[in-house]
Protein backbone atom coordinates (compact mmCIF):
# COMPACT_ATOMS: atom_id res chain seq x y z
CA MET A 1 -28.12 -15.13 -7.16
CA PRO A 2 -26.59 -17.38 -4.45
CA ALA A 3 -28.70 -19.25 -2.02
CA ALA A 4 -29.44 -17.69 1.33
CA ASP A 5 -27.17 -20.10 3.22
CA THR A 6 -24.16 -18.97 1.19
CA ALA A 7 -24.71 -15.23 1.75
CA PHE A 8 -21.50 -13.37 1.11
CA ASP A 9 -20.08 -11.28 3.96
CA PRO A 10 -16.26 -11.11 4.04
CA GLY A 11 -16.16 -8.76 7.02
CA ALA A 12 -18.37 -10.80 9.32
CA ARG A 13 -15.49 -12.55 11.10
CA ASP A 14 -13.75 -9.30 11.95
CA ARG A 15 -16.54 -7.26 13.50
CA GLY A 16 -16.19 -6.77 17.21
CA GLY A 17 -12.61 -8.09 17.27
CA PRO A 18 -9.88 -6.98 19.68
CA ALA A 19 -8.22 -3.60 19.24
CA GLN A 20 -4.86 -5.02 18.10
CA PRO A 21 -3.46 -4.17 14.65
CA LEU A 22 -4.77 -6.37 11.88
CA LEU A 23 -1.32 -6.31 10.26
CA SER A 24 2.05 -5.61 11.87
CA VAL A 25 5.23 -5.50 9.80
CA ARG A 26 8.64 -5.28 11.45
CA GLY A 27 12.08 -5.06 9.85
CA LEU A 28 10.91 -5.95 6.33
CA VAL A 29 13.88 -6.25 3.95
CA LYS A 30 14.17 -7.18 0.28
CA HIS A 31 17.37 -6.82 -1.73
CA PHE A 32 17.52 -7.85 -5.38
CA GLY A 33 20.76 -9.16 -6.83
CA GLY A 34 23.95 -9.35 -4.80
CA LYS A 35 24.71 -12.89 -5.95
CA LYS A 36 28.07 -14.30 -6.92
CA SER A 37 28.34 -15.18 -10.61
CA TRP A 38 30.08 -18.24 -12.04
CA ARG A 39 33.11 -16.02 -12.65
CA GLY A 40 33.32 -15.24 -8.95
CA VAL A 41 32.11 -11.65 -9.33
CA THR A 42 29.54 -10.53 -6.79
CA THR A 43 26.91 -8.17 -8.21
CA SER A 44 25.68 -5.26 -6.11
CA ALA A 45 22.25 -5.62 -4.53
CA VAL A 46 19.38 -3.22 -5.13
CA ARG A 47 18.00 -2.30 -1.70
CA ALA A 48 14.36 -2.10 -2.73
CA VAL A 49 12.99 -2.39 0.81
CA ASP A 50 15.49 -1.83 3.59
CA GLY A 51 13.96 -2.17 7.05
CA VAL A 52 10.29 -1.15 6.94
CA ASP A 53 8.02 -1.09 10.01
CA PHE A 54 4.31 -0.27 10.02
CA ASP A 55 0.93 -1.31 11.40
CA ILE A 56 -2.54 -1.32 9.88
CA ALA A 57 -5.45 -1.18 12.30
CA LYS A 58 -8.64 -3.11 11.71
CA GLY A 59 -11.06 -1.24 9.51
CA GLU A 60 -8.69 1.56 8.50
CA THR A 61 -7.18 2.57 5.17
CA LEU A 62 -3.42 3.10 5.18
CA GLY A 63 -2.31 5.21 2.21
CA VAL A 64 1.23 4.58 0.94
CA VAL A 65 2.87 7.31 -1.14
CA GLY A 66 6.29 8.16 -2.56
CA GLU A 67 8.18 8.53 -5.82
CA SER A 68 8.55 5.67 -8.29
CA GLY A 69 11.23 3.30 -7.05
CA CYS A 70 10.75 4.09 -3.36
CA GLY A 71 9.60 0.53 -2.56
CA LYS A 72 5.81 0.90 -2.35
CA SER A 73 4.86 -1.93 -4.69
CA THR A 74 7.68 -4.18 -3.48
CA THR A 75 6.42 -3.73 0.08
CA ALA A 76 2.91 -4.67 -1.08
CA ARG A 77 4.19 -7.81 -2.80
CA LEU A 78 6.19 -8.77 0.27
CA VAL A 79 3.11 -8.37 2.47
CA MET A 80 1.12 -10.44 -0.04
CA GLN A 81 3.96 -13.02 -0.14
CA ILE A 82 4.19 -12.86 -3.93
CA ILE A 83 7.91 -12.49 -3.31
CA ALA A 84 9.69 -13.72 -0.20
CA PRO A 85 11.39 -11.17 2.08
CA ASP A 86 15.05 -11.48 2.96
CA ALA A 87 14.27 -10.57 6.56
CA GLY A 88 11.46 -9.27 8.70
CA GLU A 89 8.32 -10.43 10.44
CA ILE A 90 4.68 -10.24 9.37
CA VAL A 91 2.04 -10.63 12.07
CA PHE A 92 -1.59 -10.90 11.04
CA ASP A 93 -4.24 -10.46 13.73
CA GLY A 94 -1.78 -11.46 16.45
CA GLU A 95 -0.40 -14.54 14.66
CA ALA A 96 3.05 -14.61 13.05
CA LEU A 97 3.07 -15.66 9.42
CA GLY A 98 4.65 -19.09 9.14
CA SER A 99 3.57 -20.23 12.56
CA ARG A 100 1.40 -23.29 13.09
CA ALA A 101 -1.66 -21.06 13.54
CA LEU A 102 -1.07 -19.07 10.33
CA ASP A 103 0.33 -20.94 7.36
CA LEU A 104 0.60 -19.37 3.91
CA THR A 105 -2.62 -20.94 2.61
CA THR A 106 -4.66 -19.53 5.49
CA TYR A 107 -2.93 -16.15 5.20
CA ARG A 108 -3.77 -15.82 1.51
CA ARG A 109 -7.44 -16.28 2.27
CA GLU A 110 -7.19 -13.33 4.63
CA VAL A 111 -5.11 -10.99 2.42
CA GLN A 112 -5.85 -10.26 -1.24
CA MET A 113 -4.52 -7.77 -3.77
CA VAL A 114 -5.79 -5.63 -6.67
CA PHE A 115 -3.09 -4.74 -9.20
CA GLN A 116 -2.57 -1.64 -11.33
CA ASP A 117 -2.83 -3.32 -14.74
CA SER A 118 -6.41 -4.52 -14.90
CA TYR A 119 -5.89 -6.52 -18.11
CA ALA A 120 -2.56 -8.22 -17.38
CA SER A 121 -3.82 -9.43 -13.99
CA LEU A 122 -6.71 -11.36 -15.57
CA ASN A 123 -6.47 -14.71 -17.35
CA PRO A 124 -7.61 -14.04 -20.95
CA ARG A 125 -8.90 -17.62 -21.27
CA LEU A 126 -11.26 -17.48 -18.30
CA THR A 127 -14.71 -15.95 -18.35
CA VAL A 128 -15.64 -13.36 -15.74
CA GLU A 129 -17.54 -15.82 -13.56
CA ASP A 130 -14.75 -18.41 -13.75
CA THR A 131 -12.18 -15.74 -12.88
CA ILE A 132 -14.02 -14.72 -9.71
CA ALA A 133 -14.84 -18.31 -8.72
CA PHE A 134 -11.32 -19.63 -9.36
CA GLY A 135 -9.85 -18.69 -5.96
CA PRO A 136 -12.68 -20.16 -3.86
CA ARG A 137 -12.58 -23.39 -5.90
CA VAL A 138 -8.80 -23.72 -5.36
CA HIS A 139 -9.44 -23.34 -1.62
CA GLY A 140 -12.02 -26.13 -1.58
CA VAL A 141 -15.30 -24.24 -1.99
CA PRO A 142 -17.83 -26.36 -3.96
CA LYS A 143 -18.40 -25.26 -7.54
CA HIS A 144 -22.04 -24.23 -7.10
CA GLU A 145 -21.18 -22.09 -4.07
CA ALA A 146 -18.16 -20.53 -5.80
CA MET A 147 -20.31 -19.60 -8.79
CA GLY A 148 -22.94 -18.21 -6.45
CA ARG A 149 -20.31 -15.99 -4.83
CA ALA A 150 -19.15 -14.87 -8.27
CA HIS A 151 -22.63 -13.78 -9.32
CA ASP A 152 -23.28 -12.10 -5.97
CA LEU A 153 -20.02 -10.18 -6.21
CA LEU A 154 -20.80 -9.05 -9.73
CA PHE A 155 -23.88 -7.35 -8.27
CA LYS A 156 -21.78 -5.89 -5.46
CA VAL A 157 -19.34 -4.24 -7.89
CA GLY A 158 -22.09 -2.89 -10.13
CA LEU A 159 -22.09 -5.40 -13.00
CA GLU A 160 -25.14 -7.48 -13.97
CA PRO A 161 -24.29 -11.22 -14.03
CA ALA A 162 -26.66 -11.82 -16.94
CA ARG A 163 -24.61 -9.42 -19.08
CA PHE A 164 -21.07 -9.92 -17.81
CA ALA A 165 -20.67 -13.43 -16.30
CA GLY A 166 -19.86 -15.10 -19.63
CA ARG A 167 -17.61 -12.38 -21.05
CA TYR A 168 -13.84 -12.51 -21.44
CA PRO A 169 -11.39 -9.76 -20.33
CA HIS A 170 -10.87 -8.40 -23.86
CA GLU A 171 -14.61 -7.70 -24.09
CA LEU A 172 -14.56 -5.33 -21.10
CA SER A 173 -13.50 -1.72 -20.59
CA GLY A 174 -10.70 -0.80 -18.19
CA GLY A 175 -13.14 0.22 -15.48
CA GLN A 176 -15.15 -2.98 -15.87
CA ARG A 177 -12.00 -5.10 -15.70
CA GLN A 178 -10.91 -3.38 -12.51
CA ARG A 179 -14.34 -4.05 -10.99
CA ILE A 180 -13.80 -7.72 -11.86
CA ASN A 181 -10.41 -7.63 -10.15
CA ILE A 182 -12.01 -6.15 -7.04
CA ALA A 183 -14.69 -8.85 -7.09
CA ARG A 184 -12.04 -11.55 -7.49
CA ALA A 185 -10.08 -10.13 -4.54
CA LEU A 186 -13.21 -10.32 -2.36
CA ALA A 187 -14.18 -13.84 -3.43
CA LEU A 188 -12.12 -15.51 -0.68
CA GLN A 189 -13.70 -13.24 1.96
CA PRO A 190 -10.44 -11.49 2.97
CA ARG A 191 -10.07 -9.00 5.77
CA LEU A 192 -7.18 -7.02 4.26
CA VAL A 193 -7.15 -5.87 0.62
CA ILE A 194 -3.99 -4.36 -0.88
CA LEU A 195 -4.75 -1.86 -3.66
CA ASP A 196 -1.61 -1.18 -5.70
CA GLU A 197 -2.33 1.85 -7.92
CA ALA A 198 -5.74 0.29 -8.54
CA VAL A 199 -7.28 3.42 -10.08
CA SER A 200 -4.29 5.17 -11.67
CA ALA A 201 -4.97 3.80 -15.19
CA LEU A 202 -8.64 4.80 -15.21
CA ASP A 203 -10.34 7.90 -16.61
CA LYS A 204 -11.16 10.44 -13.92
CA SER A 205 -14.90 9.85 -14.07
CA VAL A 206 -14.43 6.07 -13.85
CA GLU A 207 -11.80 6.54 -11.14
CA ALA A 208 -14.31 8.43 -8.99
CA GLN A 209 -16.86 5.64 -9.42
CA VAL A 210 -14.36 2.94 -8.44
CA LEU A 211 -13.15 4.92 -5.41
CA ASN A 212 -16.72 5.33 -4.19
CA LEU A 213 -17.28 1.62 -4.80
CA LEU A 214 -14.23 0.78 -2.66
CA LEU A 215 -15.55 2.97 0.17
CA ASP A 216 -18.98 1.33 -0.05
CA LEU A 217 -17.47 -2.18 0.04
CA LYS A 218 -15.26 -1.24 2.96
CA ALA A 219 -18.25 0.03 4.96
CA GLU A 220 -20.46 -2.92 4.04
CA PHE A 221 -17.97 -5.69 4.75
CA GLY A 222 -15.73 -4.11 7.40
CA LEU A 223 -12.66 -4.34 5.15
CA THR A 224 -9.18 -2.97 5.79
CA TYR A 225 -7.21 -1.40 2.96
CA MET A 226 -3.56 -0.81 2.16
CA PHE A 227 -3.93 1.82 -0.57
CA ILE A 228 -0.89 2.64 -2.74
CA SER A 229 -1.06 5.67 -5.02
CA HIS A 230 0.96 8.49 -6.58
CA ASP A 231 -2.08 10.77 -6.51
CA LEU A 232 -2.10 12.62 -3.20
CA ASN A 233 -5.62 13.92 -3.81
CA VAL A 234 -6.86 10.33 -4.10
CA VAL A 235 -4.95 9.40 -0.94
CA ARG A 236 -6.50 12.37 0.87
CA PHE A 237 -9.95 11.09 -0.16
CA MET A 238 -9.36 7.45 0.79
CA ALA A 239 -6.85 7.18 3.62
CA ASP A 240 -7.22 7.37 7.40
CA ARG A 241 -3.44 7.33 7.83
CA VAL A 242 -0.60 7.95 5.38
CA MET A 243 2.83 6.32 5.16
CA VAL A 244 5.47 8.13 3.09
CA MET A 245 8.33 6.03 1.69
CA TYR A 246 11.67 7.15 0.29
CA LEU A 247 14.39 4.90 -1.13
CA GLY A 248 13.23 1.74 0.63
CA LYS A 249 12.57 3.37 4.01
CA VAL A 250 9.61 4.91 5.82
CA ALA A 251 10.07 8.67 6.03
CA GLU A 252 6.87 9.63 7.83
CA VAL A 253 3.63 8.02 8.96
CA GLY A 254 0.60 9.39 10.76
CA PRO A 255 -3.04 10.53 10.46
CA SER A 256 -3.82 11.74 6.95
CA ASP A 257 -4.96 15.21 8.04
CA VAL A 258 -1.69 15.74 9.94
CA ILE A 259 0.58 14.36 7.20
CA LEU A 260 -1.15 16.18 4.34
CA GLN A 261 -1.65 19.52 6.11
CA HIS A 262 1.30 19.76 8.50
CA PRO A 263 4.10 17.46 7.28
CA SER A 264 7.21 17.21 9.43
CA HIS A 265 9.55 15.52 6.95
CA PRO A 266 11.04 17.75 4.20
CA TYR A 267 10.38 15.03 1.63
CA THR A 268 6.67 14.92 2.49
CA GLY A 269 6.53 18.70 2.20
CA ALA A 270 8.19 18.51 -1.22
CA LEU A 271 5.68 15.91 -2.42
CA LEU A 272 2.78 18.09 -1.34
CA ALA A 273 4.30 21.18 -2.96
CA SER A 274 4.67 19.29 -6.24
CA MET A 275 0.93 18.66 -6.56
CA PRO A 276 -0.57 20.31 -9.67
CA SER A 277 -2.24 23.65 -8.98
CA MET A 278 -4.69 25.84 -10.88
CA ASP A 279 -3.00 28.91 -9.38
CA PRO A 280 -0.75 30.45 -12.09
CA ASP A 281 1.51 32.01 -9.44
CA ALA A 282 2.11 28.62 -7.84
CA ARG A 283 3.15 27.18 -11.21
CA THR A 284 5.90 29.77 -11.62
CA GLN A 285 7.56 29.00 -8.31
CA GLU A 286 10.80 27.06 -8.07
CA ALA A 287 10.45 23.27 -8.17
CA PRO A 288 10.05 21.97 -4.60
CA LEU A 289 12.28 18.98 -5.27
CA SER A 290 15.15 18.71 -7.75
CA GLY A 291 17.23 15.84 -9.00
CA ASP A 292 16.62 12.11 -8.98
CA PRO A 293 16.67 9.78 -5.99
CA PRO A 294 20.09 8.23 -5.27
CA ASN A 295 20.96 4.84 -6.67
CA PRO A 296 19.32 2.15 -4.47
CA ILE A 297 22.36 -0.04 -5.10
CA ASP A 298 24.52 2.44 -3.18
CA PRO A 299 22.29 4.69 -1.03
CA PRO A 300 23.98 7.63 0.70
CA PRO A 301 25.06 7.27 4.33
CA GLY A 302 23.07 8.89 7.10
CA CYS A 303 19.69 10.22 6.08
CA ARG A 304 18.91 8.95 2.59
CA PHE A 305 17.15 12.19 1.70
CA HIS A 306 19.99 14.54 2.71
CA THR A 307 21.39 14.75 -0.85
CA ARG A 308 18.18 16.50 -2.00
CA CYS A 309 17.04 18.16 1.23
CA ARG A 310 17.07 21.96 1.54
CA SER A 311 17.25 21.77 5.34
CA THR A 312 20.16 19.36 5.53
CA SER A 313 22.96 19.72 8.05
CA ALA A 314 26.36 18.09 8.44
CA ILE A 315 24.97 15.57 10.92
CA CYS A 316 22.44 14.32 8.34
CA ALA A 317 25.24 12.79 6.25
CA HIS A 318 26.50 10.69 9.17
CA VAL A 319 23.50 9.73 11.33
CA GLU A 320 20.62 7.69 10.01
CA PRO A 321 17.41 8.92 11.66
CA ALA A 322 15.16 6.37 13.29
CA LEU A 323 11.39 6.50 12.92
CA ALA A 324 10.45 8.35 16.11
CA VAL A 325 7.16 9.56 17.55
CA VAL A 326 6.92 13.35 17.44
CA ASP A 327 3.26 13.83 18.33
CA GLY A 328 0.83 11.12 19.34
CA THR A 329 0.66 8.60 16.50
CA HIS A 330 2.71 10.81 14.15
CA GLN A 331 6.15 9.29 13.43
CA VAL A 332 8.96 10.93 11.47
CA ALA A 333 12.41 9.72 10.42
CA CYS A 334 14.10 13.13 10.33
CA LEU A 335 16.75 14.58 12.64
CA MET A 336 15.34 18.07 12.10
CA ALA A 337 12.05 17.02 13.72
CA GLN A 338 13.63 15.24 16.68
CA PRO A 339 14.80 17.44 19.60
CA GLY A 340 18.18 16.38 20.90
CA SER A 341 19.31 14.91 17.57
CA GLY A 342 22.00 17.56 17.04
CA HIS A 343 20.44 19.04 13.94
CA PRO A 344 20.58 22.87 14.18
CA GLN A 345 16.85 23.27 13.57
CA ALA A 346 16.05 20.57 16.13
CA VAL A 347 18.24 22.37 18.67
CA SER A 348 16.38 25.59 17.87
CA LEU A 349 13.03 23.87 18.36
CA GLN A 350 14.19 22.45 21.68
CA GLU A 351 15.34 25.88 22.92
CA THR A 352 12.03 27.43 21.85
CA ALA A 353 10.06 24.78 23.69
CA ALA A 354 12.15 25.35 26.82
């Protein structure tokens, strides 16, 4: 156990802070490829993230959902600065990343990440205690204090240091490895933790334990989460707000109860309708969403979802919808949900309201 003067409390600095967003992202862009080869041929760029805006308030959990390839994990890596964005601004607690007040070293103490693959994200040559203590030691924490944090965090994530501190990753189960990854993420006392499909590879019983652990740690330390998942039931359990992404763009964002019960974007509705059901009648209905997403190298003009949308109109192929507020903090990038856009259903809604 660590000494009393090194008591671990990563959320202590954030309690009682101002009511500004902990993280603000504006105009985030990342295109892969698009470079000129030695033969003079320019390859087409994959528009993985193509102008993403969102905020995360202090102490909340923002769930991020969407099909594979929509840009969820790339957005997480851009926020974490594992890869550099082509454009955009990241503001953390009122300070712009890259400014004199917030350099990359300071930022990475404040923001940590838990990856999907619990084994590949651990160094097979480091013991559990060395893995957890590695980050603090790199950032100048004395060895005895870093080891004390490691043992304290093992207790926090439900693993006894006497049994697990000297083990290597191959000696642990998937659930135990993911608990180690969570402990490692907390070792630098961050305020924001990005969870990229952190429970998707776990058995359901272990998944439930880890989700409850994450909620307990959030409450104890005042943490803020960015929670990425394909499982909408898990997102419903964890998230305060939900952001839906499609083909590198934000389609809809708002409170989780609004998004998951009364979605305004057709794509969000299709995702919810595709959730597995025990109702045999529901399983015989027509698929809510057909076809594959368009090629991110050459996305369609206008609304990127119009090629698969059942409520599309001619205007959707020519006008790209902006992310607009439709009700309080609920934002939707859909012409159908925006009165005055020219979409027939939006015109109908406007006439009904009048």
